[in-house]
Amino acid sequence: MTNEEILQAFYQEYWRSPSIAEFKACGGKMAEVRKNYGGYRKMLVKLKYDPFAVGESIELIEDGEVVFTGVAKEVAEEIGCSDPTLSTALKNNRPVHGYEVRVKPFKGLTKGEKQ
């Protein structure tokens, strides 16, 4: 996969930009990034990925099914709560506004990988 394909596949799975460590773990080549874009953050900006949406992906669960995935701010907006309320619910493993929430663990790419 190219660096650009890795970013696209990661975003489709985690709904955020990968950290540098996650990008490298998925096969990203930092030497190419530096050569072609001048740096990782510059690549994200040039390819129109949010350079600030790096962090944990949060899953919103209803009736045992994941109904929404995004960064904390997006999930909080989706269910109409504040970031601190969501953070507290995650920390205490409690539902918020009738939804279960959990951090989506990073397991590499499962979609878009070349087998």
PDB file of N, CA and C in Angstrom:
ATOM      1  N   MET A   1       0.840  -1.186   0.000  1.00  0.00           N
ATOM      2  CA  MET A   1       0.000   0.000   0.000  1.00  0.00           C
ATOM      3  C   MET A   1       0.883   1.246   0.000  1.00  0.00           C
ATOM      4  N   THR A   2       0.435   2.258  -0.687  1.00  0.00           N
ATOM      5  CA  THR A   2       1.148   3.528  -0.644  1.00  0.00           C
ATOM      6  C   THR A   2       0.805   4.247   0.653  1.00  0.00           C
ATOM      7  N   ASN A   3       1.586   5.272   0.971  1.00  0.00           N
ATOM      8  CA  ASN A   3       1.303   6.070   2.168  1.00  0.00           C
ATOM      9  C   ASN A   3      -0.104   6.662   2.104  1.00  0.00           C
ATOM     10  N   GLU A   4      -0.493   7.113   0.937  1.00  0.00           N
ATOM     11  CA  GLU A   4      -1.809   7.711   0.756  1.00  0.00           C
ATOM     12  C   GLU A   4      -2.917   6.678   0.952  1.00  0.00           C
ATOM     13  N   GLU A   5      -2.708   5.458   0.448  1.00  0.00           N
ATOM     14  CA  GLU A   5      -3.684   4.379   0.632  1.00  0.00           C
ATOM     15  C   GLU A   5      -3.798   3.985   2.101  1.00  0.00           C
ATOM     16  N   ILE A   6      -2.666   4.021   2.813  1.00  0.00           N
ATOM     17  CA  ILE A   6      -2.675   3.711   4.246  1.00  0.00           C
ATOM     18  C   ILE A   6      -3.527   4.741   4.991  1.00  0.00           C
ATOM     19  N   LEU A   7      -3.334   6.018   4.682  1.00  0.00           N
ATOM     20  CA  LEU A   7      -4.134   7.064   5.328  1.00  0.00           C
ATOM     21  C   LEU A   7      -5.616   6.865   5.057  1.00  0.00           C
ATOM     22  N   GLN A   8      -5.959   6.587   3.811  1.00  0.00           N
ATOM     23  CA  GLN A   8      -7.361   6.405   3.452  1.00  0.00           C
ATOM     24  C   GLN A   8      -7.964   5.201   4.171  1.00  0.00           C
ATOM     25  N   ALA A   9      -7.251   4.072   4.175  1.00  0.00           N
ATOM     26  CA  ALA A   9      -7.756   2.864   4.834  1.00  0.00           C
ATOM     27  C   ALA A   9      -7.889   3.082   6.342  1.00  0.00           C
ATOM     28  N   PHE A  10      -6.904   3.758   6.945  1.00  0.00           N
ATOM     29  CA  PHE A  10      -6.954   4.029   8.379  1.00  0.00           C
ATOM     30  C   PHE A  10      -8.157   4.907   8.705  1.00  0.00           C
ATOM     31  N   TYR A  11      -8.361   5.965   7.920  1.00  0.00           N
ATOM     32  CA  TYR A  11      -9.471   6.868   8.182  1.00  0.00           C
ATOM     33  C   TYR A  11     -10.812   6.158   8.039  1.00  0.00           C
ATOM     34  N   GLN A  12     -10.923   5.282   7.050  1.00  0.00           N
ATOM     35  CA  GLN A  12     -12.170   4.544   6.858  1.00  0.00           C
ATOM     36  C   GLN A  12     -12.467   3.611   8.022  1.00  0.00           C
ATOM     37  N   GLU A  13     -11.419   3.130   8.671  1.00  0.00           N
ATOM     38  CA  GLU A  13     -11.629   2.208   9.789  1.00  0.00           C
ATOM     39  C   GLU A  13     -11.758   2.906  11.135  1.00  0.00           C
ATOM     40  N   TYR A  14     -10.950   3.947  11.371  1.00  0.00           N
ATOM     41  CA  TYR A  14     -10.909   4.586  12.692  1.00  0.00           C
ATOM     42  C   TYR A  14     -11.534   5.987  12.723  1.00  0.00           C
ATOM     43  N   TRP A  15     -11.882   6.545  11.591  1.00  0.00           N
ATOM     44  CA  TRP A  15     -12.518   7.853  11.481  1.00  0.00           C
ATOM     45  C   TRP A  15     -11.704   8.978  12.095  1.00  0.00           C
ATOM     46  N   ARG A  16     -10.401   8.883  11.923  1.00  0.00           N
ATOM     47  CA  ARG A  16      -9.483   9.929  12.374  1.00  0.00           C
ATOM     48  C   ARG A  16      -8.146   9.715  11.679  1.00  0.00           C
ATOM     49  N   SER A  17      -7.276  10.681  11.805  1.00  0.00           N
ATOM     50  CA  SER A  17      -5.926  10.545  11.267  1.00  0.00           C
ATOM     51  C   SER A  17      -5.097   9.675  12.208  1.00  0.00           C
ATOM     52  N   PRO A  18      -4.200   8.855  11.654  1.00  0.00           N
ATOM     53  CA  PRO A  18      -3.357   8.042  12.534  1.00  0.00           C
ATOM     54  C   PRO A  18      -2.242   8.870  13.169  1.00  0.00           C
ATOM     55  N   SER A  19      -1.816   8.440  14.339  1.00  0.00           N
ATOM     56  CA  SER A  19      -0.612   9.027  14.918  1.00  0.00           C
ATOM     57  C   SER A  19       0.566   8.544  14.063  1.00  0.00           C
ATOM     58  N   ILE A  20       1.715   9.139  14.232  1.00  0.00           N
ATOM     59  CA  ILE A  20       2.887   8.693  13.465  1.00  0.00           C
ATOM     60  C   ILE A  20       3.189   7.233  13.770  1.00  0.00           C
ATOM     61  N   ALA A  21       3.110   6.835  15.038  1.00  0.00           N
ATOM     62  CA  ALA A  21       3.392   5.440  15.411  1.00  0.00           C
ATOM     63  C   ALA A  21       2.396   4.489  14.745  1.00  0.00           C
ATOM     64  N   GLU A  22       1.122   4.867  14.721  1.00  0.00           N
ATOM     65  CA  GLU A  22       0.106   4.023  14.075  1.00  0.00           C
ATOM     66  C   GLU A  22       0.348   3.963  12.565  1.00  0.00           C
ATOM     67  N   PHE A  23       0.691   5.108  11.973  1.00  0.00           N
ATOM     68  CA  PHE A  23       0.979   5.172  10.541  1.00  0.00           C
ATOM     69  C   PHE A  23       2.132   4.229  10.198  1.00  0.00           C
ATOM     70  N   LYS A  24       3.186   4.283  10.984  1.00  0.00           N
ATOM     71  CA  LYS A  24       4.337   3.404  10.745  1.00  0.00           C
ATOM     72  C   LYS A  24       3.974   1.942  10.976  1.00  0.00           C
ATOM     73  N   ALA A  25       3.162   1.662  11.989  1.00  0.00           N
ATOM     74  CA  ALA A  25       2.755   0.282  12.279  1.00  0.00           C
ATOM     75  C   ALA A  25       1.914  -0.306  11.145  1.00  0.00           C
ATOM     76  N   CYS A  26       1.254   0.557  10.385  1.00  0.00           N
ATOM     77  CA  CYS A  26       0.433   0.107   9.252  1.00  0.00           C
ATOM     78  C   CYS A  26       1.243   0.029   7.961  1.00  0.00           C
ATOM     79  N   GLY A  27       2.539   0.300   8.055  1.00  0.00           N
ATOM     80  CA  GLY A  27       3.409   0.202   6.882  1.00  0.00           C
ATOM     81  C   GLY A  27       3.776   1.528   6.253  1.00  0.00           C
ATOM     82  N   GLY A  28       3.413   2.624   6.908  1.00  0.00           N
ATOM     83  CA  GLY A  28       3.755   3.951   6.377  1.00  0.00           C
ATOM     84  C   GLY A  28       5.255   4.160   6.351  1.00  0.00           C
ATOM     85  N   LYS A  29       5.730   4.825   5.313  1.00  0.00           N
ATOM     86  CA  LYS A  29       7.165   5.047   5.118  1.00  0.00           C
ATOM     87  C   LYS A  29       7.482   6.523   5.342  1.00  0.00           C
ATOM     88  N   MET A  30       8.057   6.812   6.499  1.00  0.00           N
ATOM     89  CA  MET A  30       8.311   8.191   6.881  1.00  0.00           C
ATOM     90  C   MET A  30       9.351   8.859   5.983  1.00  0.00           C
ATOM     91  N   ALA A  31      10.326   8.122   5.473  1.00  0.00           N
ATOM     92  CA  ALA A  31      11.320   8.721   4.575  1.00  0.00           C
ATOM     93  C   ALA A  31      10.624   9.272   3.327  1.00  0.00           C
ATOM     94  N   GLU A  32       9.672   8.527   2.793  1.00  0.00           N
ATOM     95  CA  GLU A  32       8.908   8.995   1.631  1.00  0.00           C
ATOM     96  C   GLU A  32       8.064  10.209   1.998  1.00  0.00           C
ATOM     97  N   VAL A  33       7.478  10.191   3.188  1.00  0.00           N
ATOM     98  CA  VAL A  33       6.655  11.314   3.636  1.00  0.00           C
ATOM     99  C   VAL A  33       7.500  12.577   3.703  1.00  0.00           C
ATOM    100  N   ARG A  34       8.684  12.483   4.309  1.00  0.00           N
ATOM    101  CA  ARG A  34       9.561  13.650   4.427  1.00  0.00           C
ATOM    102  C   ARG A  34       9.996  14.139   3.049  1.00  0.00           C
ATOM    103  N   LYS A  35      10.321  13.203   2.152  1.00  0.00           N
ATOM    104  CA  LYS A  35      10.782  13.560   0.807  1.00  0.00           C
ATOM    105  C   LYS A  35       9.654  14.203  -0.012  1.00  0.00           C
ATOM    106  N   ASN A  36       8.474  13.621   0.012  1.00  0.00           N
ATOM    107  CA  ASN A  36       7.378  14.075  -0.840  1.00  0.00           C
ATOM    108  C   ASN A  36       6.570  15.238  -0.273  1.00  0.00           C
ATOM    109  N   TYR A  37       6.515  15.337   1.059  1.00  0.00           N
ATOM    110  CA  TYR A  37       5.651  16.345   1.674  1.00  0.00           C
ATOM    111  C   TYR A  37       6.369  17.286   2.639  1.00  0.00           C
ATOM    112  N   GLY A  38       7.549  16.934   3.067  1.00  0.00           N
ATOM    113  CA  GLY A  38       8.277  17.764   4.015  1.00  0.00           C
ATOM    114  C   GLY A  38       7.968  17.461   5.467  1.00  0.00           C
ATOM    115  N   GLY A  39       7.122  16.492   5.734  1.00  0.00           N
ATOM    116  CA  GLY A  39       6.795  16.098   7.099  1.00  0.00           C
ATOM    117  C   GLY A  39       5.416  15.466   7.177  1.00  0.00           C
ATOM    118  N   TYR A  40       5.177  14.772   8.261  1.00  0.00           N
ATOM    119  CA  TYR A  40       3.923  14.025   8.424  1.00  0.00           C
ATOM    120  C   TYR A  40       2.718  14.962   8.491  1.00  0.00           C
ATOM    121  N   ARG A  41       2.800  15.984   9.314  1.00  0.00           N
ATOM    122  CA  ARG A  41       1.660  16.907   9.449  1.00  0.00           C
ATOM    123  C   ARG A  41       1.359  17.618   8.129  1.00  0.00           C
ATOM    124  N   LYS A  42       2.418  17.976   7.398  1.00  0.00           N
ATOM    125  CA  LYS A  42       2.232  18.622   6.097  1.00  0.00           C
ATOM    126  C   LYS A  42       1.524  17.681   5.125  1.00  0.00           C
ATOM    127  N   MET A  43       1.840  16.389   5.198  1.00  0.00           N
ATOM    128  CA  MET A  43       1.171  15.418   4.345  1.00  0.00           C
ATOM    129  C   MET A  43      -0.320  15.378   4.677  1.00  0.00           C
ATOM    130  N   LEU A  44      -0.650  15.321   5.970  1.00  0.00           N
ATOM    131  CA  LEU A  44      -2.053  15.282   6.370  1.00  0.00           C
ATOM    132  C   LEU A  44      -2.810  16.501   5.838  1.00  0.00           C
ATOM    133  N   VAL A  45      -2.223  17.665   5.970  1.00  0.00           N
ATOM    134  CA  VAL A  45      -2.865  18.892   5.510  1.00  0.00           C
ATOM    135  C   VAL A  45      -3.017  18.869   3.989  1.00  0.00           C
ATOM    136  N   LYS A  46      -1.956  18.517   3.285  1.00  0.00           N
ATOM    137  CA  LYS A  46      -1.991  18.499   1.808  1.00  0.00           C
ATOM    138  C   LYS A  46      -3.061  17.532   1.295  1.00  0.00           C
ATOM    139  N   LEU A  47      -3.213  16.388   1.965  1.00  0.00           N
ATOM    140  CA  LEU A  47      -4.180  15.379   1.531  1.00  0.00           C
ATOM    141  C   LEU A  47      -5.563  15.589   2.163  1.00  0.00           C
ATOM    142  N   LYS A  48      -5.719  16.716   2.868  1.00  0.00           N
ATOM    143  CA  LYS A  48      -7.007  17.123   3.466  1.00  0.00           C
ATOM    144  C   LYS A  48      -7.498  16.208   4.589  1.00  0.00           C
ATOM    145  N   TYR A  49      -6.549  15.668   5.366  1.00  0.00           N
ATOM    146  CA  TYR A  49      -6.882  14.940   6.583  1.00  0.00           C
ATOM    147  C   TYR A  49      -6.637  15.881   7.750  1.00  0.00           C
ATOM    148  N   ASP A  50      -7.439  15.780   8.780  1.00  0.00           N
ATOM    149  CA  ASP A  50      -7.323  16.670   9.929  1.00  0.00           C
ATOM    150  C   ASP A  50      -6.073  16.320  10.737  1.00  0.00           C
ATOM    151  N   PRO A  51      -5.094  17.230  10.779  1.00  0.00           N
ATOM    152  CA  PRO A  51      -3.872  16.918  11.535  1.00  0.00           C
ATOM    153  C   PRO A  51      -4.092  16.951  13.042  1.00  0.00           C
ATOM    154  N   PHE A  52      -5.237  17.458  13.480  1.00  0.00           N
ATOM    155  CA  PHE A  52      -5.516  17.543  14.910  1.00  0.00           C
ATOM    156  C   PHE A  52      -6.465  16.450  15.379  1.00  0.00           C
ATOM    157  N   ALA A  53      -6.985  15.636  14.464  1.00  0.00           N
ATOM    158  CA  ALA A  53      -7.906  14.553  14.835  1.00  0.00           C
ATOM    159  C   ALA A  53      -7.126  13.268  15.087  1.00  0.00           C
ATOM    160  N   VAL A  54      -6.025  13.406  15.793  1.00  0.00           N
ATOM    161  CA  VAL A  54      -5.214  12.252  16.155  1.00  0.00           C
ATOM    162  C   VAL A  54      -5.458  11.992  17.629  1.00  0.00           C
ATOM    163  N   GLY A  55      -5.779  10.801  17.960  1.00  0.00           N
ATOM    164  CA  GLY A  55      -6.080  10.452  19.342  1.00  0.00           C
ATOM    165  C   GLY A  55      -6.778   9.111  19.345  1.00  0.00           C
ATOM    166  N   GLU A  56      -7.681   8.940  20.258  1.00  0.00           N
ATOM    167  CA  GLU A  56      -8.408   7.677  20.322  1.00  0.00           C
ATOM    168  C   GLU A  56      -9.718   7.781  19.548  1.00  0.00           C
ATOM    169  N   SER A  57     -10.069   6.688  18.909  1.00  0.00           N
ATOM    170  CA  SER A  57     -11.382   6.593  18.278  1.00  0.00           C
ATOM    171  C   SER A  57     -12.351   6.054  19.322  1.00  0.00           C
ATOM    172  N   ILE A  58     -13.520   6.654  19.385  1.00  0.00           N
ATOM    173  CA  ILE A  58     -14.543   6.261  20.337  1.00  0.00           C
ATOM    174  C   ILE A  58     -15.701   5.623  19.573  1.00  0.00           C
ATOM    175  N   GLU A  59     -16.197   4.511  20.083  1.00  0.00           N
ATOM    176  CA  GLU A  59     -17.338   3.839  19.474  1.00  0.00           C
ATOM    177  C   GLU A  59     -18.582   4.083  20.320  1.00  0.00           C
ATOM    178  N   LEU A  60     -19.667   4.402  19.658  1.00  0.00           N
ATOM    179  CA  LEU A  60     -20.967   4.599  20.278  1.00  0.00           C
ATOM    180  C   LEU A  60     -21.765   3.333  19.998  1.00  0.00           C
ATOM    181  N   ILE A  61     -22.260   2.694  21.053  1.00  0.00           N
ATOM    182  CA  ILE A  61     -22.892   1.381  20.919  1.00  0.00           C
ATOM    183  C   ILE A  61     -24.341   1.443  21.389  1.00  0.00           C
ATOM    184  N   GLU A  62     -25.217   0.915  20.560  1.00  0.00           N
ATOM    185  CA  GLU A  62     -26.641   0.834  20.887  1.00  0.00           C
ATOM    186  C   GLU A  62     -27.101  -0.588  20.602  1.00  0.00           C
ATOM    187  N   ASP A  63     -27.717  -1.229  21.584  1.00  0.00           N
ATOM    188  CA  ASP A  63     -28.191  -2.613  21.447  1.00  0.00           C
ATOM    189  C   ASP A  63     -27.086  -3.559  20.970  1.00  0.00           C
ATOM    190  N   GLY A  64     -25.864  -3.352  21.481  1.00  0.00           N
ATOM    191  CA  GLY A  64     -24.745  -4.229  21.154  1.00  0.00           C
ATOM    192  C   GLY A  64     -24.095  -3.977  19.804  1.00  0.00           C
ATOM    193  N   GLU A  65     -24.593  -3.003  19.043  1.00  0.00           N
ATOM    194  CA  GLU A  65     -24.053  -2.697  17.720  1.00  0.00           C
ATOM    195  C   GLU A  65     -23.375  -1.328  17.729  1.00  0.00           C
ATOM    196  N   VAL A  66     -22.225  -1.233  17.064  1.00  0.00           N
ATOM    197  CA  VAL A  66     -21.559   0.057  16.915  1.00  0.00           C
ATOM    198  C   VAL A  66     -22.368   0.879  15.919  1.00  0.00           C
ATOM    199  N   VAL A  67     -22.849   2.034  16.371  1.00  0.00           N
ATOM    200  CA  VAL A  67     -23.675   2.877  15.505  1.00  0.00           C
ATOM    201  C   VAL A  67     -22.950   4.144  15.052  1.00  0.00           C
ATOM    202  N   PHE A  68     -21.814   4.447  15.682  1.00  0.00           N
ATOM    203  CA  PHE A  68     -21.061   5.638  15.308  1.00  0.00           C
ATOM    204  C   PHE A  68     -19.650   5.494  15.825  1.00  0.00           C
ATOM    205  N   THR A  69     -18.681   5.939  15.047  1.00  0.00           N
ATOM    206  CA  THR A  69     -17.280   5.955  15.459  1.00  0.00           C
ATOM    207  C   THR A  69     -16.699   7.310  15.100  1.00  0.00           C
ATOM    208  N   GLY A  70     -15.942   7.883  16.006  1.00  0.00           N
ATOM    209  CA  GLY A  70     -15.295   9.163  15.744  1.00  0.00           C
ATOM    210  C   GLY A  70     -14.399   9.543  16.902  1.00  0.00           C
ATOM    211  N   VAL A  71     -13.805  10.718  16.794  1.00  0.00           N
ATOM    212  CA  VAL A  71     -13.009  11.229  17.913  1.00  0.00           C
ATOM    213  C   VAL A  71     -13.986  11.733  18.971  1.00  0.00           C
ATOM    214  N   ALA A  72     -13.501  11.965  20.170  1.00  0.00           N
ATOM    215  CA  ALA A  72     -14.366  12.304  21.301  1.00  0.00           C
ATOM    216  C   ALA A  72     -15.298  13.481  21.000  1.00  0.00           C
ATOM    217  N   LYS A  73     -14.785  14.535  20.388  1.00  0.00           N
ATOM    218  CA  LYS A  73     -15.601  15.712  20.105  1.00  0.00           C
ATOM    219  C   LYS A  73     -16.782  15.352  19.198  1.00  0.00           C
ATOM    220  N   GLU A  74     -16.527  14.535  18.169  1.00  0.00           N
ATOM    221  CA  GLU A  74     -17.589  14.144  17.241  1.00  0.00           C
ATOM    222  C   GLU A  74     -18.646  13.278  17.927  1.00  0.00           C
ATOM    223  N   VAL A  75     -18.189  12.344  18.760  1.00  0.00           N
ATOM    224  CA  VAL A  75     -19.128  11.463  19.466  1.00  0.00           C
ATOM    225  C   VAL A  75     -19.974  12.274  20.434  1.00  0.00           C
ATOM    226  N   ALA A  76     -19.335  13.188  21.167  1.00  0.00           N
ATOM    227  CA  ALA A  76     -20.082  14.035  22.104  1.00  0.00           C
ATOM    228  C   ALA A  76     -21.144  14.854  21.370  1.00  0.00           C
ATOM    229  N   GLU A  77     -20.785  15.414  20.226  1.00  0.00           N
ATOM    230  CA  GLU A  77     -21.756  16.179  19.433  1.00  0.00           C
ATOM    231  C   GLU A  77     -22.886  15.283  18.933  1.00  0.00           C
ATOM    232  N   GLU A  78     -22.552  14.074  18.526  1.00  0.00           N
ATOM    233  CA  GLU A  78     -23.551  13.139  17.986  1.00  0.00           C
ATOM    234  C   GLU A  78     -24.647  12.827  19.003  1.00  0.00           C
ATOM    235  N   ILE A  79     -24.251  12.688  20.275  1.00  0.00           N
ATOM    236  CA  ILE A  79     -25.243  12.319  21.289  1.00  0.00           C
ATOM    237  C   ILE A  79     -25.673  13.496  22.163  1.00  0.00           C
ATOM    238  N   GLY A  80     -25.132  14.675  21.884  1.00  0.00           N
ATOM    239  CA  GLY A  80     -25.564  15.871  22.603  1.00  0.00           C
ATOM    240  C   GLY A  80     -25.082  15.962  24.030  1.00  0.00           C
ATOM    241  N   CYS A  81     -23.815  15.642  24.241  1.00  0.00           N
ATOM    242  CA  CYS A  81     -23.241  15.806  25.588  1.00  0.00           C
ATOM    243  C   CYS A  81     -21.931  16.572  25.469  1.00  0.00           C
ATOM    244  N   SER A  82     -21.358  16.920  26.591  1.00  0.00           N
ATOM    245  CA  SER A  82     -20.082  17.634  26.595  1.00  0.00           C
ATOM    246  C   SER A  82     -18.922  16.637  26.548  1.00  0.00           C
ATOM    247  N   ASP A  83     -17.758  17.129  26.142  1.00  0.00           N
ATOM    248  CA  ASP A  83     -16.565  16.285  26.146  1.00  0.00           C
ATOM    249  C   ASP A  83     -16.253  15.731  27.536  1.00  0.00           C
ATOM    250  N   PRO A  84     -16.349  16.560  28.605  1.00  0.00           N
ATOM    251  CA  PRO A  84     -16.082  16.025  29.943  1.00  0.00           C
ATOM    252  C   PRO A  84     -17.058  14.917  30.357  1.00  0.00           C
ATOM    253  N   THR A  85     -18.324  15.053  29.957  1.00  0.00           N
ATOM    254  CA  THR A  85     -19.317  14.017  30.277  1.00  0.00           C
ATOM    255  C   THR A  85     -18.939  12.710  29.587  1.00  0.00           C
ATOM    256  N   LEU A  86     -18.542  12.805  28.324  1.00  0.00           N
ATOM    257  CA  LEU A  86     -18.126  11.614  27.579  1.00  0.00           C
ATOM    258  C   LEU A  86     -16.878  11.005  28.201  1.00  0.00           C
ATOM    259  N   SER A  87     -15.931  11.842  28.557  1.00  0.00           N
ATOM    260  CA  SER A  87     -14.690  11.375  29.171  1.00  0.00           C
ATOM    261  C   SER A  87     -14.959  10.635  30.482  1.00  0.00           C
ATOM    262  N   THR A  88     -15.852  11.172  31.284  1.00  0.00           N
ATOM    263  CA  THR A  88     -16.213  10.536  32.556  1.00  0.00           C
ATOM    264  C   THR A  88     -16.889   9.191  32.314  1.00  0.00           C
ATOM    265  N   ALA A  89     -17.784   9.141  31.335  1.00  0.00           N
ATOM    266  CA  ALA A  89     -18.464   7.881  31.007  1.00  0.00           C
ATOM    267  C   ALA A  89     -17.462   6.825  30.554  1.00  0.00           C
ATOM    268  N   LEU A  90     -16.487   7.229  29.742  1.00  0.00           N
ATOM    269  CA  LEU A  90     -15.458   6.288  29.287  1.00  0.00           C
ATOM    270  C   LEU A  90     -14.607   5.793  30.456  1.00  0.00           C
ATOM    271  N   LYS A  91     -14.191   6.740  31.300  1.00  0.00           N
ATOM    272  CA  LYS A  91     -13.328   6.399  32.434  1.00  0.00           C
ATOM    273  C   LYS A  91     -14.020   5.448  33.403  1.00  0.00           C
ATOM    274  N   ASN A  92     -15.318   5.664  33.623  1.00  0.00           N
ATOM    275  CA  ASN A  92     -16.058   4.857  34.595  1.00  0.00           C
ATOM    276  C   ASN A  92     -16.834   3.705  33.964  1.00  0.00           C
ATOM    277  N   ASN A  93     -16.655   3.518  32.662  1.00  0.00           N
ATOM    278  CA  ASN A  93     -17.335   2.442  31.941  1.00  0.00           C
ATOM    279  C   ASN A  93     -18.851   2.480  32.176  1.00  0.00           C
ATOM    280  N   ARG A  94     -19.414   3.680  31.973  1.00  0.00           N
ATOM    281  CA  ARG A  94     -20.848   3.885  32.175  1.00  0.00           C
ATOM    282  C   ARG A  94     -21.495   4.409  30.908  1.00  0.00           C
ATOM    283  N   PRO A  95     -22.765   4.102  30.720  1.00  0.00           N
ATOM    284  CA  PRO A  95     -23.467   4.652  29.554  1.00  0.00           C
ATOM    285  C   PRO A  95     -23.658   6.160  29.681  1.00  0.00           C
ATOM    286  N   VAL A  96     -23.832   6.793  28.533  1.00  0.00           N
ATOM    287  CA  VAL A  96     -24.120   8.220  28.512  1.00  0.00           C
ATOM    288  C   VAL A  96     -25.250   8.448  27.506  1.00  0.00           C
ATOM    289  N   HIS A  97     -26.279   9.106  27.971  1.00  0.00           N
ATOM    290  CA  HIS A  97     -27.466   9.384  27.147  1.00  0.00           C
ATOM    291  C   HIS A  97     -28.023   8.105  26.504  1.00  0.00           C
ATOM    292  N   GLY A  98     -27.975   7.025  27.253  1.00  0.00           N
ATOM    293  CA  GLY A  98     -28.549   5.764  26.783  1.00  0.00           C
ATOM    294  C   GLY A  98     -27.650   4.939  25.882  1.00  0.00           C
ATOM    295  N   TYR A  99     -26.442   5.388  25.634  1.00  0.00           N
ATOM    296  CA  TYR A  99     -25.500   4.667  24.778  1.00  0.00           C
ATOM    297  C   TYR A  99     -24.308   4.166  25.585  1.00  0.00           C
ATOM    298  N   GLU A 100     -23.822   2.997  25.214  1.00  0.00           N
ATOM    299  CA  GLU A 100     -22.535   2.544  25.728  1.00  0.00           C
ATOM    300  C   GLU A 100     -21.464   3.224  24.887  1.00  0.00           C
ATOM    301  N   VAL A 101     -20.345   3.538  25.493  1.00  0.00           N
ATOM    302  CA  VAL A 101     -19.217   4.111  24.765  1.00  0.00           C
ATOM    303  C   VAL A 101     -17.962   3.353  25.141  1.00  0.00           C
ATOM    304  N   ARG A 102     -17.075   3.199  24.164  1.00  0.00           N
ATOM    305  CA  ARG A 102     -15.794   2.540  24.441  1.00  0.00           C
ATOM    306  C   ARG A 102     -14.749   3.067  23.470  1.00  0.00           C
ATOM    307  N   VAL A 103     -13.505   2.969  23.897  1.00  0.00           N
ATOM    308  CA  VAL A 103     -12.388   3.325  23.028  1.00  0.00           C
ATOM    309  C   VAL A 103     -12.183   2.173  22.052  1.00  0.00           C
ATOM    310  N   LYS A 104     -12.102   2.503  20.779  1.00  0.00           N
ATOM    311  CA  LYS A 104     -11.833   1.480  19.773  1.00  0.00           C
ATOM    312  C   LYS A 104     -10.339   1.195  19.807  1.00  0.00           C
ATOM    313  N   PRO A 105      -9.962  -0.035  20.133  1.00  0.00           N
ATOM    314  CA  PRO A 105      -8.536  -0.335  20.222  1.00  0.00           C
ATOM    315  C   PRO A 105      -7.874  -0.326  18.849  1.00  0.00           C
ATOM    316  N   PHE A 106      -6.628   0.123  18.812  1.00  0.00           N
ATOM    317  CA  PHE A 106      -5.871   0.103  17.563  1.00  0.00           C
ATOM    318  C   PHE A 106      -5.346  -1.310  17.338  1.00  0.00           C
ATOM    319  N   LYS A 107      -5.756  -1.905  16.233  1.00  0.00           N
ATOM    320  CA  LYS A 107      -5.329  -3.266  15.894  1.00  0.00           C
ATOM    321  C   LYS A 107      -4.726  -3.298  14.503  1.00  0.00           C
ATOM    322  N   GLY A 108      -4.254  -2.174  14.021  1.00  0.00           N
ATOM    323  CA  GLY A 108      -3.749  -2.113  12.655  1.00  0.00           C
ATOM    324  C   GLY A 108      -4.926  -1.964  11.707  1.00  0.00           C
ATOM    325  N   LEU A 109      -4.673  -2.247  10.448  1.00  0.00           N
ATOM    326  CA  LEU A 109      -5.717  -2.131   9.444  1.00  0.00           C
ATOM    327  C   LEU A 109      -6.343  -3.488   9.179  1.00  0.00           C
ATOM    328  N   THR A 110      -7.661  -3.524   9.140  1.00  0.00           N
ATOM    329  CA  THR A 110      -8.341  -4.751   8.749  1.00  0.00           C
ATOM    330  C   THR A 110      -9.054  -4.557   7.428  1.00  0.00           C
ATOM    331  N   LYS A 111      -9.331  -3.286   7.070  1.00  0.00           N
ATOM    332  CA  LYS A 111      -9.962  -2.978   5.793  1.00  0.00           C
ATOM    333  C   LYS A 111      -8.902  -2.389   4.869  1.00  0.00           C
ATOM    334  N   GLY A 112      -9.017  -2.685   3.592  1.00  0.00           N
ATOM    335  CA  GLY A 112      -8.139  -2.073   2.622  1.00  0.00           C
ATOM    336  C   GLY A 112      -6.743  -2.655   2.564  1.00  0.00           C
ATOM    337  N   GLU A 113      -6.477  -3.684   3.345  1.00  0.00           N
ATOM    338  CA  GLU A 113      -5.156  -4.294   3.300  1.00  0.00           C
ATOM    339  C   GLU A 113      -5.040  -5.191   2.081  1.00  0.00           C
ATOM    340  N   LYS A 114      -3.856  -5.189   1.508  1.00  0.00           N
ATOM    341  CA  LYS A 114      -3.579  -6.124   0.427  1.00  0.00           C
ATOM    342  C   LYS A 114      -3.166  -7.439   1.035  1.00  0.00           C
ATOM    343  N   GLN A 115      -3.838  -8.465   0.657  1.00  0.00           N
ATOM    344  CA  GLN A 115      -3.558  -9.786   1.227  1.00  0.00           C
ATOM    345  C   GLN A 115      -2.548 -10.527   0.386  1.00  0.00           C
TER     346      GLN A 115
END
